Amino acid sequence: RGADITKGLKKVDKSQMTHKNPALRAS
């Protein structure tokens, strides 16, 4: 598929990143 191989990936929001969200990491 070449460059199209990444089209199916979903973007992760900052609120879902544990290294940027201490509350999420604690839970």
PDB file of all heavy atoms in Angstrom:
ATOM      1  N   ARG A   1       0.808  -1.213   0.000  1.00  0.00           N
ATOM      2  CA  ARG A   1       0.000   0.000   0.000  1.00  0.00           C
ATOM      3  C   ARG A   1       0.840   1.260   0.000  1.00  0.00           C
ATOM      4  O   ARG A   1       0.343   2.352  -0.263  1.00  0.00           O
ATOM      5  CB  ARG A   1      -0.917  -0.008   1.225  1.00  0.00           C
ATOM      6  CG  ARG A   1      -2.010  -1.074   1.173  1.00  0.00           C
ATOM      7  CD  ARG A   1      -2.775  -1.166   2.467  1.00  0.00           C
ATOM      8  NE  ARG A   1      -3.419   0.098   2.781  1.00  0.00           N
ATOM      9  CZ  ARG A   1      -4.045   0.347   3.934  1.00  0.00           C
ATOM     10  NH1 ARG A   1      -4.087  -0.589   4.870  1.00  0.00           N
ATOM     11  NH2 ARG A   1      -4.611   1.513   4.153  1.00  0.00           N
ATOM     12  N   GLY A   2       2.122   1.140   0.333  1.00  0.00           N
ATOM     13  CA  GLY A   2       3.013   2.301   0.287  1.00  0.00           C
ATOM     14  C   GLY A   2       2.645   3.344   1.324  1.00  0.00           C
ATOM     15  O   GLY A   2       2.448   3.056   2.507  1.00  0.00           O
ATOM     16  N   ALA A   3       2.539   4.595   0.871  1.00  0.00           N
ATOM     17  CA  ALA A   3       2.262   5.697   1.793  1.00  0.00           C
ATOM     18  C   ALA A   3       0.867   5.605   2.395  1.00  0.00           C
ATOM     19  O   ALA A   3       0.597   6.198   3.452  1.00  0.00           O
ATOM     20  CB  ALA A   3       2.433   7.034   1.076  1.00  0.00           C
ATOM     21  N   ASP A   4      -0.035   4.852   1.755  1.00  0.00           N
ATOM     22  CA  ASP A   4      -1.404   4.754   2.262  1.00  0.00           C
ATOM     23  C   ASP A   4      -1.505   3.844   3.478  1.00  0.00           C
ATOM     24  O   ASP A   4      -2.597   3.683   4.046  1.00  0.00           O
ATOM     25  CB  ASP A   4      -2.320   4.206   1.166  1.00  0.00           C
ATOM     26  CG  ASP A   4      -2.439   5.194   0.002  1.00  0.00           C
ATOM     27  OD1 ASP A   4      -2.199   6.393   0.240  1.00  0.00           O
ATOM     28  OD2 ASP A   4      -2.769   4.755  -1.117  1.00  0.00           O
ATOM     29  N   ILE A   5      -0.399   3.241   3.878  1.00  0.00           N
ATOM     30  CA  ILE A   5      -0.460   2.277   4.977  1.00  0.00           C
ATOM     31  C   ILE A   5      -0.838   2.930   6.301  1.00  0.00           C
ATOM     32  O   ILE A   5      -1.361   2.301   7.210  1.00  0.00           O
ATOM     33  CB  ILE A   5       0.894   1.535   5.101  1.00  0.00           C
ATOM     34  CG1 ILE A   5       0.728   0.287   5.965  1.00  0.00           C
ATOM     35  CG2 ILE A   5       1.963   2.453   5.675  1.00  0.00           C
ATOM     36  CD1 ILE A   5       1.944  -0.616   5.972  1.00  0.00           C
ATOM     37  N   THR A   6      -0.602   4.264   6.425  1.00  0.00           N
ATOM     38  CA  THR A   6      -0.891   4.955   7.684  1.00  0.00           C
ATOM     39  C   THR A   6      -2.265   5.606   7.698  1.00  0.00           C
ATOM     40  O   THR A   6      -2.634   6.237   8.691  1.00  0.00           O
ATOM     41  CB  THR A   6       0.173   6.037   7.935  1.00  0.00           C
ATOM     42  OG1 THR A   6       0.165   6.970   6.843  1.00  0.00           O
ATOM     43  CG2 THR A   6       1.557   5.421   8.047  1.00  0.00           C
ATOM     44  N   LYS A   7      -3.026   5.462   6.615  1.00  0.00           N
ATOM     45  CA  LYS A   7      -4.324   6.136   6.552  1.00  0.00           C
ATOM     46  C   LYS A   7      -5.317   5.565   7.565  1.00  0.00           C
ATOM     47  O   LYS A   7      -6.229   6.257   8.009  1.00  0.00           O
ATOM     48  CB  LYS A   7      -4.893   6.025   5.138  1.00  0.00           C
ATOM     49  CG  LYS A   7      -4.231   6.973   4.134  1.00  0.00           C
ATOM     50  CD  LYS A   7      -4.945   6.940   2.797  1.00  0.00           C
ATOM     51  CE  LYS A   7      -4.325   7.973   1.847  1.00  0.00           C
ATOM     52  NZ  LYS A   7      -5.011   7.985   0.537  1.00  0.00           N
ATOM     53  N   GLY A   8      -5.162   4.325   7.921  1.00  0.00           N
ATOM     54  CA  GLY A   8      -6.111   3.715   8.841  1.00  0.00           C
ATOM     55  C   GLY A   8      -5.824   3.988  10.303  1.00  0.00           C
ATOM     56  O   GLY A   8      -6.573   3.555  11.180  1.00  0.00           O
ATOM     57  N   LEU A   9      -4.709   4.685  10.604  1.00  0.00           N
ATOM     58  CA  LEU A   9      -4.349   4.959  11.990  1.00  0.00           C
ATOM     59  C   LEU A   9      -5.186   6.107  12.554  1.00  0.00           C
ATOM     60  O   LEU A   9      -5.499   7.069  11.853  1.00  0.00           O
ATOM     61  CB  LEU A   9      -2.862   5.301  12.093  1.00  0.00           C
ATOM     62  CG  LEU A   9      -1.900   4.201  11.624  1.00  0.00           C
ATOM     63  CD1 LEU A   9      -0.460   4.689  11.751  1.00  0.00           C
ATOM     64  CD2 LEU A   9      -2.091   2.937  12.416  1.00  0.00           C
ATOM     65  N   LYS A  10      -5.534   5.989  13.828  1.00  0.00           N
ATOM     66  CA  LYS A  10      -6.304   7.032  14.489  1.00  0.00           C
ATOM     67  C   LYS A  10      -5.381   7.963  15.277  1.00  0.00           C
ATOM     68  O   LYS A  10      -4.413   7.513  15.878  1.00  0.00           O
ATOM     69  CB  LYS A  10      -7.323   6.408  15.441  1.00  0.00           C
ATOM     70  CG  LYS A  10      -8.387   5.572  14.734  1.00  0.00           C
ATOM     71  CD  LYS A  10      -9.371   5.008  15.739  1.00  0.00           C
ATOM     72  CE  LYS A  10     -10.435   4.171  15.050  1.00  0.00           C
ATOM     73  NZ  LYS A  10     -11.415   3.601  16.016  1.00  0.00           N
ATOM     74  N   LYS A  11      -5.699   9.228  15.275  1.00  0.00           N
ATOM     75  CA  LYS A  11      -4.912  10.206  16.015  1.00  0.00           C
ATOM     76  C   LYS A  11      -5.282  10.131  17.495  1.00  0.00           C
ATOM     77  O   LYS A  11      -6.458  10.106  17.864  1.00  0.00           O
ATOM     78  CB  LYS A  11      -5.158  11.611  15.480  1.00  0.00           C
ATOM     79  CG  LYS A  11      -4.288  12.659  16.150  1.00  0.00           C
ATOM     80  CD  LYS A  11      -4.487  14.018  15.509  1.00  0.00           C
ATOM     81  CE  LYS A  11      -3.582  15.054  16.167  1.00  0.00           C
ATOM     82  NZ  LYS A  11      -3.747  16.394  15.569  1.00  0.00           N
ATOM     83  N   VAL A  12      -4.255  10.097  18.350  1.00  0.00           N
ATOM     84  CA  VAL A  12      -4.471  10.011  19.792  1.00  0.00           C
ATOM     85  C   VAL A  12      -4.534  11.414  20.373  1.00  0.00           C
ATOM     86  O   VAL A  12      -3.604  12.218  20.194  1.00  0.00           O
ATOM     87  CB  VAL A  12      -3.353   9.193  20.471  1.00  0.00           C
ATOM     88  CG1 VAL A  12      -3.599   9.103  21.966  1.00  0.00           C
ATOM     89  CG2 VAL A  12      -3.277   7.804  19.860  1.00  0.00           C
ATOM     90  N   ASP A  13      -5.611  11.693  21.070  1.00  0.00           N
ATOM     91  CA  ASP A  13      -5.764  13.008  21.696  1.00  0.00           C
ATOM     92  C   ASP A  13      -4.863  13.133  22.916  1.00  0.00           C
ATOM     93  O   ASP A  13      -4.507  12.137  23.547  1.00  0.00           O
ATOM     94  CB  ASP A  13      -7.233  13.217  22.103  1.00  0.00           C
ATOM     95  CG  ASP A  13      -7.491  14.644  22.558  1.00  0.00           C
ATOM     96  OD1 ASP A  13      -7.561  15.528  21.681  1.00  0.00           O
ATOM     97  OD2 ASP A  13      -7.598  14.850  23.771  1.00  0.00           O
ATOM     98  N   LYS A  14      -4.468  14.362  23.271  1.00  0.00           N
ATOM     99  CA  LYS A  14      -3.591  14.580  24.422  1.00  0.00           C
ATOM    100  C   LYS A  14      -4.214  14.076  25.713  1.00  0.00           C
ATOM    101  O   LYS A  14      -3.515  13.671  26.638  1.00  0.00           O
ATOM    102  CB  LYS A  14      -3.246  16.066  24.547  1.00  0.00           C
ATOM    103  CG  LYS A  14      -2.315  16.572  23.448  1.00  0.00           C
ATOM    104  CD  LYS A  14      -1.932  18.017  23.701  1.00  0.00           C
ATOM    105  CE  LYS A  14      -0.962  18.513  22.610  1.00  0.00           C
ATOM    106  NZ  LYS A  14      -0.564  19.929  22.825  1.00  0.00           N
ATOM    107  N   SER A  15      -5.560  14.140  25.785  1.00  0.00           N
ATOM    108  CA  SER A  15      -6.226  13.676  27.007  1.00  0.00           C
ATOM    109  C   SER A  15      -6.101  12.178  27.197  1.00  0.00           C
ATOM    110  O   SER A  15      -6.328  11.662  28.286  1.00  0.00           O
ATOM    111  CB  SER A  15      -7.709  14.066  26.957  1.00  0.00           C
ATOM    112  OG  SER A  15      -8.343  13.429  25.843  1.00  0.00           O
ATOM    113  N   GLN A  16      -5.715  11.447  26.126  1.00  0.00           N
ATOM    114  CA  GLN A  16      -5.559  10.000  26.198  1.00  0.00           C
ATOM    115  C   GLN A  16      -4.115   9.569  26.389  1.00  0.00           C
ATOM    116  O   GLN A  16      -3.839   8.377  26.460  1.00  0.00           O
ATOM    117  CB  GLN A  16      -6.114   9.359  24.916  1.00  0.00           C
ATOM    118  CG  GLN A  16      -7.593   9.587  24.715  1.00  0.00           C
ATOM    119  CD  GLN A  16      -8.079   9.036  23.394  1.00  0.00           C
ATOM    120  OE1 GLN A  16      -7.540   9.379  22.349  1.00  0.00           O
ATOM    121  NE2 GLN A  16      -9.100   8.185  23.444  1.00  0.00           N
ATOM    122  N   MET A  17      -3.193  10.549  26.447  1.00  0.00           N
ATOM    123  CA  MET A  17      -1.775  10.243  26.608  1.00  0.00           C
ATOM    124  C   MET A  17      -1.417  10.235  28.091  1.00  0.00           C
ATOM    125  O   MET A  17      -1.532  11.255  28.772  1.00  0.00           O
ATOM    126  CB  MET A  17      -0.912  11.266  25.866  1.00  0.00           C
ATOM    127  CG  MET A  17      -1.176  11.344  24.374  1.00  0.00           C
ATOM    128  SD  MET A  17      -0.134  12.592  23.588  1.00  0.00           S
ATOM    129  CE  MET A  17      -0.719  12.523  21.910  1.00  0.00           C
ATOM    130  N   THR A  18      -0.962   9.106  28.591  1.00  0.00           N
ATOM    131  CA  THR A  18      -0.651   9.000  30.013  1.00  0.00           C
ATOM    132  C   THR A  18       0.550   9.852  30.415  1.00  0.00           C
ATOM    133  O   THR A  18       0.612  10.341  31.549  1.00  0.00           O
ATOM    134  CB  THR A  18      -0.366   7.531  30.375  1.00  0.00           C
ATOM    135  OG1 THR A  18       0.687   7.059  29.535  1.00  0.00           O
ATOM    136  CG2 THR A  18      -1.598   6.675  30.163  1.00  0.00           C
ATOM    137  N   HIS A  19       1.526  10.063  29.485  1.00  0.00           N
ATOM    138  CA  HIS A  19       2.703  10.845  29.855  1.00  0.00           C
ATOM    139  C   HIS A  19       2.406  12.332  29.927  1.00  0.00           C
ATOM    140  O   HIS A  19       3.212  13.114  30.449  1.00  0.00           O
ATOM    141  CB  HIS A  19       3.843  10.575  28.870  1.00  0.00           C
ATOM    142  CG  HIS A  19       3.601  11.074  27.478  1.00  0.00           C
ATOM    143  ND1 HIS A  19       2.728  10.442  26.622  1.00  0.00           N
ATOM    144  CD2 HIS A  19       4.116  12.135  26.800  1.00  0.00           C
ATOM    145  CE1 HIS A  19       2.708  11.076  25.462  1.00  0.00           C
ATOM    146  NE2 HIS A  19       3.544  12.117  25.544  1.00  0.00           N
ATOM    147  N   LYS A  20       1.241  12.769  29.378  1.00  0.00           N
ATOM    148  CA  LYS A  20       0.859  14.173  29.454  1.00  0.00           C
ATOM    149  C   LYS A  20      -0.364  14.390  30.352  1.00  0.00           C
ATOM    150  O   LYS A  20      -0.824  15.521  30.502  1.00  0.00           O
ATOM    151  CB  LYS A  20       0.560  14.707  28.052  1.00  0.00           C
ATOM    152  CG  LYS A  20       1.787  14.805  27.168  1.00  0.00           C
ATOM    153  CD  LYS A  20       1.460  15.497  25.868  1.00  0.00           C
ATOM    154  CE  LYS A  20       2.724  15.660  25.004  1.00  0.00           C
ATOM    155  NZ  LYS A  20       2.443  16.376  23.741  1.00  0.00           N
ATOM    156  N   ASN A  21      -0.886  13.331  30.912  1.00  0.00           N
ATOM    157  CA  ASN A  21      -2.076  13.416  31.747  1.00  0.00           C
ATOM    158  C   ASN A  21      -1.839  12.644  33.041  1.00  0.00           C
ATOM    159  O   ASN A  21      -2.078  11.438  33.104  1.00  0.00           O
ATOM    160  CB  ASN A  21      -3.277  12.829  30.993  1.00  0.00           C
ATOM    161  CG  ASN A  21      -4.592  13.156  31.670  1.00  0.00           C
ATOM    162  OD1 ASN A  21      -4.628  13.476  32.863  1.00  0.00           O
ATOM    163  ND2 ASN A  21      -5.677  13.081  30.919  1.00  0.00           N
ATOM    164  N   PRO A  22      -1.349  13.309  34.106  1.00  0.00           N
ATOM    165  CA  PRO A  22      -1.048  12.614  35.376  1.00  0.00           C
ATOM    166  C   PRO A  22      -2.255  11.909  35.969  1.00  0.00           C
ATOM    167  O   PRO A  22      -2.131  10.845  36.563  1.00  0.00           O
ATOM    168  CB  PRO A  22      -0.541  13.741  36.281  1.00  0.00           C
ATOM    169  CG  PRO A  22      -0.090  14.817  35.353  1.00  0.00           C
ATOM    170  CD  PRO A  22      -0.993  14.732  34.159  1.00  0.00           C
ATOM    171  N   ALA A  23      -3.436  12.528  35.826  1.00  0.00           N
ATOM    172  CA  ALA A  23      -4.629  11.911  36.403  1.00  0.00           C
ATOM    173  C   ALA A  23      -4.922  10.562  35.754  1.00  0.00           C
ATOM    174  O   ALA A  23      -5.277   9.589  36.421  1.00  0.00           O
ATOM    175  CB  ALA A  23      -5.830  12.856  36.249  1.00  0.00           C
ATOM    176  N   LEU A  24      -4.776  10.503  34.446  1.00  0.00           N
ATOM    177  CA  LEU A  24      -4.996   9.250  33.734  1.00  0.00           C
ATOM    178  C   LEU A  24      -3.953   8.207  34.118  1.00  0.00           C
ATOM    179  O   LEU A  24      -4.247   7.028  34.281  1.00  0.00           O
ATOM    180  CB  LEU A  24      -4.970   9.498  32.219  1.00  0.00           C
ATOM    181  CG  LEU A  24      -5.224   8.284  31.325  1.00  0.00           C
ATOM    182  CD1 LEU A  24      -6.621   7.729  31.577  1.00  0.00           C
ATOM    183  CD2 LEU A  24      -5.043   8.653  29.863  1.00  0.00           C
ATOM    184  N   ARG A  25      -2.712   8.684  34.284  1.00  0.00           N
ATOM    185  CA  ARG A  25      -1.646   7.765  34.676  1.00  0.00           C
ATOM    186  C   ARG A  25      -1.876   7.212  36.071  1.00  0.00           C
ATOM    187  O   ARG A  25      -1.597   6.053  36.350  1.00  0.00           O
ATOM    188  CB  ARG A  25      -0.290   8.477  34.592  1.00  0.00           C
ATOM    189  CG  ARG A  25       0.891   7.560  34.879  1.00  0.00           C
ATOM    190  CD  ARG A  25       2.198   8.188  34.472  1.00  0.00           C
ATOM    191  NE  ARG A  25       2.504   9.383  35.210  1.00  0.00           N
ATOM    192  CZ  ARG A  25       2.524  10.611  34.688  1.00  0.00           C
ATOM    193  NH1 ARG A  25       2.230  10.771  33.401  1.00  0.00           N
ATOM    194  NH2 ARG A  25       2.813  11.668  35.412  1.00  0.00           N
ATOM    195  N   ALA A  26      -2.407   8.048  36.975  1.00  0.00           N
ATOM    196  CA  ALA A  26      -2.644   7.601  38.347  1.00  0.00           C
ATOM    197  C   ALA A  26      -3.765   6.578  38.418  1.00  0.00           C
ATOM    198  O   ALA A  26      -3.762   5.693  39.266  1.00  0.00           O
ATOM    199  CB  ALA A  26      -2.971   8.802  39.233  1.00  0.00           C
ATOM    200  N   SER A  27      -4.755   6.698  37.510  1.00  0.00           N
ATOM    201  CA  SER A  27      -5.883   5.774  37.527  1.00  0.00           C
ATOM    202  C   SER A  27      -5.624   4.493  36.758  1.00  0.00           C
ATOM    203  O   SER A  27      -6.446   3.587  36.748  1.00  0.00           O
ATOM    204  CB  SER A  27      -7.120   6.461  36.926  1.00  0.00           C
ATOM    205  OG  SER A  27      -6.872   6.784  35.561  1.00  0.00           O
TER     206      SER A  27
END
